[in-house]
PDB file of N, CA and C in Angstrom:
ATOM      1  N   UNK A   1       0.581  -1.257   0.356  1.00  0.00           N
ATOM      2  CA  UNK A   1       0.157  -0.270   0.305  1.00  0.00           C
ATOM      3  C   UNK A   1       0.749   1.160  -0.127  1.00  0.00           C
ATOM      4  N   UNK A   2       2.290   1.653   0.608  1.00  0.00           N
ATOM      5  CA  UNK A   2       2.790   2.386   1.100  1.00  0.00           C
ATOM      6  C   UNK A   2       3.007   2.832  -0.440  1.00  0.00           C
ATOM      7  N   UNK A   3       3.157   1.381  -1.150  1.00  0.00           N
ATOM      8  CA  UNK A   3       4.733   1.562  -2.776  1.00  0.00           C
ATOM      9  C   UNK A   3       3.476   2.633  -3.290  1.00  0.00           C
ATOM     10  N   UNK A   4       2.057   1.646  -3.490  1.00  0.00           N
ATOM     11  CA  UNK A   4       1.456   2.643  -4.337  1.00  0.00           C
ATOM     12  C   UNK A   4       1.391   4.190  -3.872  1.00  0.00           C
ATOM     13  N   UNK A   5       1.022   4.608  -2.875  1.00  0.00           N
ATOM     14  CA  UNK A   5       0.623   5.538  -2.437  1.00  0.00           C
ATOM     15  C   UNK A   5       2.386   6.494  -3.074  1.00  0.00           C
ATOM     16  N   UNK A   6       2.977   5.946  -2.879  1.00  0.00           N
ATOM     17  CA  UNK A   6       4.054   6.945  -3.125  1.00  0.00           C
ATOM     18  C   UNK A   6       4.292   6.793  -4.635  1.00  0.00           C
ATOM     19  N   UNK A   7       4.026   5.871  -5.586  1.00  0.00           N
ATOM     20  CA  UNK A   7       3.617   6.144  -7.008  1.00  0.00           C
ATOM     21  C   UNK A   7       2.752   7.299  -7.448  1.00  0.00           C
ATOM     22  N   UNK A   8       1.972   6.807  -6.790  1.00  0.00           N
ATOM     23  CA  UNK A   8       0.886   8.076  -7.604  1.00  0.00           C
ATOM     24  C   UNK A   8       1.215   9.556  -6.606  1.00  0.00           C
ATOM     25  N   UNK A   9       1.820   9.822  -5.807  1.00  0.00           N
ATOM     26  CA  UNK A   9       2.275  10.991  -5.269  1.00  0.00           C
ATOM     27  C   UNK A   9       3.418  11.584  -6.510  1.00  0.00           C
ATOM     28  N   UNK A  10       3.962  11.022  -5.979  1.00  0.00           N
ATOM     29  CA  UNK A  10       5.429  10.652  -7.753  1.00  0.00           C
ATOM     30  C   UNK A  10       5.245  11.173  -8.552  1.00  0.00           C
ATOM     31  N   UNK A  11       4.153  10.579  -9.312  1.00  0.00           N
ATOM     32  CA  UNK A  11       3.704  10.817 -10.688  1.00  0.00           C
ATOM     33  C   UNK A  11       2.987  11.896 -10.224  1.00  0.00           C
ATOM     34  N   UNK A  12       1.765  12.715 -10.038  1.00  0.00           N
ATOM     35  CA  UNK A  12       1.724  13.494  -9.418  1.00  0.00           C
ATOM     36  C   UNK A  12       2.717  14.540  -9.499  1.00  0.00           C
ATOM     37  N   UNK A  13       3.683  14.916  -8.916  1.00  0.00           N
ATOM     38  CA  UNK A  13       4.806  16.066  -8.856  1.00  0.00           C
ATOM     39  C   UNK A  13       5.232  16.292  -9.850  1.00  0.00           C
ATOM     40  N   UNK A  14       4.984  14.836 -10.443  1.00  0.00           N
ATOM     41  CA  UNK A  14       6.551  15.137 -11.845  1.00  0.00           C
ATOM     42  C   UNK A  14       5.043  15.633 -12.648  1.00  0.00           C
ATOM     43  N   UNK A  15       3.595  15.179 -12.725  1.00  0.00           N
ATOM     44  CA  UNK A  15       3.057  16.181 -13.520  1.00  0.00           C
ATOM     45  C   UNK A  15       2.667  17.365 -13.168  1.00  0.00           C
ATOM     46  N   UNK A  16       2.603  17.624 -12.599  1.00  0.00           N
ATOM     47  CA  UNK A  16       2.111  18.553 -11.370  1.00  0.00           C
ATOM     48  C   UNK A  16       3.514  19.930 -12.358  1.00  0.00           C
ATOM     49  N   UNK A  17       4.446  19.676 -11.952  1.00  0.00           N
ATOM     50  CA  UNK A  17       5.891  20.689 -12.206  1.00  0.00           C
ATOM     51  C   UNK A  17       6.061  20.430 -13.259  1.00  0.00           C
ATOM     52  N   UNK A  18       6.510  19.591 -14.036  1.00  0.00           N
ATOM     53  CA  UNK A  18       7.170  19.289 -15.222  1.00  0.00           C
ATOM     54  C   UNK A  18       5.926  20.131 -16.607  1.00  0.00           C
ATOM     55  N   UNK A  19       4.881  19.395 -15.763  1.00  0.00           N
ATOM     56  CA  UNK A  19       3.983  18.985 -17.250  1.00  0.00           C
ATOM     57  C   UNK A  19       3.359  20.821 -17.333  1.00  0.00           C
ATOM     58  N   UNK A  20       3.609  20.797 -16.084  1.00  0.00           N
ATOM     59  CA  UNK A  20       2.539  22.094 -15.540  1.00  0.00           C
ATOM     60  C   UNK A  20       3.545  23.823 -15.702  1.00  0.00           C
ATOM     61  N   UNK A  21       4.972  23.255 -16.391  1.00  0.00           N
ATOM     62  CA  UNK A  21       5.631  24.182 -16.225  1.00  0.00           C
ATOM     63  C   UNK A  21       5.510  24.507 -18.583  1.00  0.00           C
ATOM     64  N   UNK A  22       5.734  22.739 -18.721  1.00  0.00           N
ATOM     65  CA  UNK A  22       5.461  22.915 -20.263  1.00  0.00           C
ATOM     66  C   UNK A  22       4.104  23.390 -20.255  1.00  0.00           C
ATOM     67  N   UNK A  23       3.020  23.461 -19.922  1.00  0.00           N
ATOM     68  CA  UNK A  23       1.793  23.812 -20.488  1.00  0.00           C
ATOM     69  C   UNK A  23       2.203  26.039 -20.293  1.00  0.00           C
ATOM     70  N   UNK A  24       2.823  26.243 -18.596  1.00  0.00           N
ATOM     71  CA  UNK A  24       2.749  27.961 -19.005  1.00  0.00           C
ATOM     72  C   UNK A  24       3.862  28.248 -19.686  1.00  0.00           C
ATOM     73  N   UNK A  25       4.764  28.311 -20.376  1.00  0.00           N
ATOM     74  CA  UNK A  25       5.791  28.496 -21.234  1.00  0.00           C
ATOM     75  C   UNK A  25       5.183  28.574 -23.062  1.00  0.00           C
ATOM     76  N   UNK A  26       4.146  27.343 -23.482  1.00  0.00           N
ATOM     77  CA  UNK A  26       3.225  27.423 -24.474  1.00  0.00           C
ATOM     78  C   UNK A  26       2.689  28.587 -24.232  1.00  0.00           C
ATOM     79  N   UNK A  27       1.742  29.027 -23.409  1.00  0.00           N
ATOM     80  CA  UNK A  27       0.003  28.715 -22.859  1.00  0.00           C
ATOM     81  C   UNK A  27       0.768  30.522 -23.235  1.00  0.00           C
ATOM     82  N   UNK A  28       2.091  31.187 -22.247  1.00  0.00           N
ATOM     83  CA  UNK A  28       2.816  32.453 -22.179  1.00  0.00           C
ATOM     84  C   UNK A  28       4.253  32.672 -23.091  1.00  0.00           C
ATOM     85  N   UNK A  29       4.133  32.897 -24.172  1.00  0.00           N
ATOM     86  CA  UNK A  29       5.831  33.114 -24.976  1.00  0.00           C
ATOM     87  C   UNK A  29       6.317  33.898 -24.449  1.00  0.00           C
ATOM     88  N   UNK A  30       5.665  34.941 -23.969  1.00  0.00           N
ATOM     89  CA  UNK A  30       6.204  36.173 -23.870  1.00  0.00           C
ATOM     90  C   UNK A  30       6.790  35.556 -22.218  1.00  0.00           C
ATOM     91  N   UNK A  31       7.102  34.948 -21.621  1.00  0.00           N
ATOM     92  CA  UNK A  31       7.225  34.952 -20.339  1.00  0.00           C
ATOM     93  C   UNK A  31       8.977  34.038 -21.019  1.00  0.00           C
ATOM     94  N   UNK A  32       8.708  33.518 -21.664  1.00  0.00           N
ATOM     95  CA  UNK A  32      10.458  33.177 -22.091  1.00  0.00           C
ATOM     96  C   UNK A  32      11.215  32.002 -21.417  1.00  0.00           C
ATOM     97  N   UNK A  33      10.293  31.171 -20.663  1.00  0.00           N
ATOM     98  CA  UNK A  33      11.470  29.884 -19.997  1.00  0.00           C
ATOM     99  C   UNK A  33      11.639  29.317 -21.162  1.00  0.00           C
ATOM    100  N   UNK A  34      11.128  29.157 -21.777  1.00  0.00           N
ATOM    101  CA  UNK A  34      12.037  27.866 -23.040  1.00  0.00           C
ATOM    102  C   UNK A  34      11.645  26.070 -23.223  1.00  0.00           C
ATOM    103  N   UNK A  35      12.204  26.358 -24.310  1.00  0.00           N
ATOM    104  CA  UNK A  35      12.857  23.985 -23.142  1.00  0.00           C
ATOM    105  C   UNK A  35      14.214  24.570 -22.310  1.00  0.00           C
ATOM    106  N   UNK A  36      14.752  24.721 -22.577  1.00  0.00           N
ATOM    107  CA  UNK A  36      15.897  24.753 -20.799  1.00  0.00           C
ATOM    108  C   UNK A  36      14.940  25.337 -19.564  1.00  0.00           C
ATOM    109  N   UNK A  37      13.680  26.021 -19.399  1.00  0.00           N
ATOM    110  CA  UNK A  37      13.055  26.157 -18.397  1.00  0.00           C
ATOM    111  C   UNK A  37      12.325  25.338 -18.186  1.00  0.00           C
ATOM    112  N   UNK A  38      11.557  24.031 -19.327  1.00  0.00           N
ATOM    113  CA  UNK A  38      11.310  23.194 -19.166  1.00  0.00           C
ATOM    114  C   UNK A  38      11.980  22.194 -18.469  1.00  0.00           C
ATOM    115  N   UNK A  39      13.202  21.754 -18.937  1.00  0.00           N
ATOM    116  CA  UNK A  39      13.438  21.302 -18.733  1.00  0.00           C
ATOM    117  C   UNK A  39      14.606  21.510 -17.420  1.00  0.00           C
ATOM    118  N   UNK A  40      14.615  22.340 -17.086  1.00  0.00           N
ATOM    119  CA  UNK A  40      15.527  22.208 -15.161  1.00  0.00           C
ATOM    120  C   UNK A  40      13.907  22.628 -13.977  1.00  0.00           C
ATOM    121  N   UNK A  41      12.725  22.824 -15.395  1.00  0.00           N
ATOM    122  CA  UNK A  41      12.094  22.632 -13.853  1.00  0.00           C
ATOM    123  C   UNK A  41      11.206  20.864 -14.237  1.00  0.00           C
ATOM    124  N   UNK A  42      11.858  20.191 -14.735  1.00  0.00           N
ATOM    125  CA  UNK A  42      11.607  19.028 -14.840  1.00  0.00           C
ATOM    126  C   UNK A  42      12.346  18.218 -13.824  1.00  0.00           C
ATOM    127  N   UNK A  43      13.491  18.841 -13.812  1.00  0.00           N
ATOM    128  CA  UNK A  43      14.565  18.463 -13.314  1.00  0.00           C
ATOM    129  C   UNK A  43      14.886  18.711 -11.457  1.00  0.00           C
ATOM    130  N   UNK A  44      14.384  19.754 -11.523  1.00  0.00           N
ATOM    131  CA  UNK A  44      13.947  20.381 -10.427  1.00  0.00           C
ATOM    132  C   UNK A  44      12.672  19.747  -9.547  1.00  0.00           C
ATOM    133  N   UNK A  45      11.756  18.878  -9.972  1.00  0.00           N
ATOM    134  CA  UNK A  45      10.805  18.486  -9.742  1.00  0.00           C
ATOM    135  C   UNK A  45      11.537  17.121  -9.151  1.00  0.00           C
ATOM    136  N   UNK A  46      12.254  16.175 -10.338  1.00  0.00           N
ATOM    137  CA  UNK A  46      12.785  14.620  -9.016  1.00  0.00           C
ATOM    138  C   UNK A  46      13.429  15.504  -8.575  1.00  0.00           C
ATOM    139  N   UNK A  47      14.469  16.179  -8.199  1.00  0.00           N
ATOM    140  CA  UNK A  47      15.736  16.860  -7.542  1.00  0.00           C
ATOM    141  C   UNK A  47      14.836  16.590  -5.948  1.00  0.00           C
ATOM    142  N   UNK A  48      13.452  17.301  -6.051  1.00  0.00           N
ATOM    143  CA  UNK A  48      13.034  17.438  -4.810  1.00  0.00           C
ATOM    144  C   UNK A  48      12.292  16.358  -4.041  1.00  0.00           C
ATOM    145  N   UNK A  49      11.663  15.822  -5.197  1.00  0.00           N
ATOM    146  CA  UNK A  49      11.227  14.284  -4.438  1.00  0.00           C
ATOM    147  C   UNK A  49      12.210  13.394  -3.793  1.00  0.00           C
ATOM    148  N   UNK A  50      13.466  13.701  -4.205  1.00  0.00           N
ATOM    149  CA  UNK A  50      14.475  12.265  -3.939  1.00  0.00           C
ATOM    150  C   UNK A  50      14.780  12.661  -2.879  1.00  0.00           C
TER     151      UNK A  50
END
């Protein structure tokens, strides 16, 4: 049960942080986070859960 809960929480956090930044980058092109910003967001999301 703990493993399943950890998997759900980790997936939620990765989707929220990483995909949320991709949606922000696509929706607001003036912001300029671009590919590097989305990559950094995915990386930081993984680091925060490590």
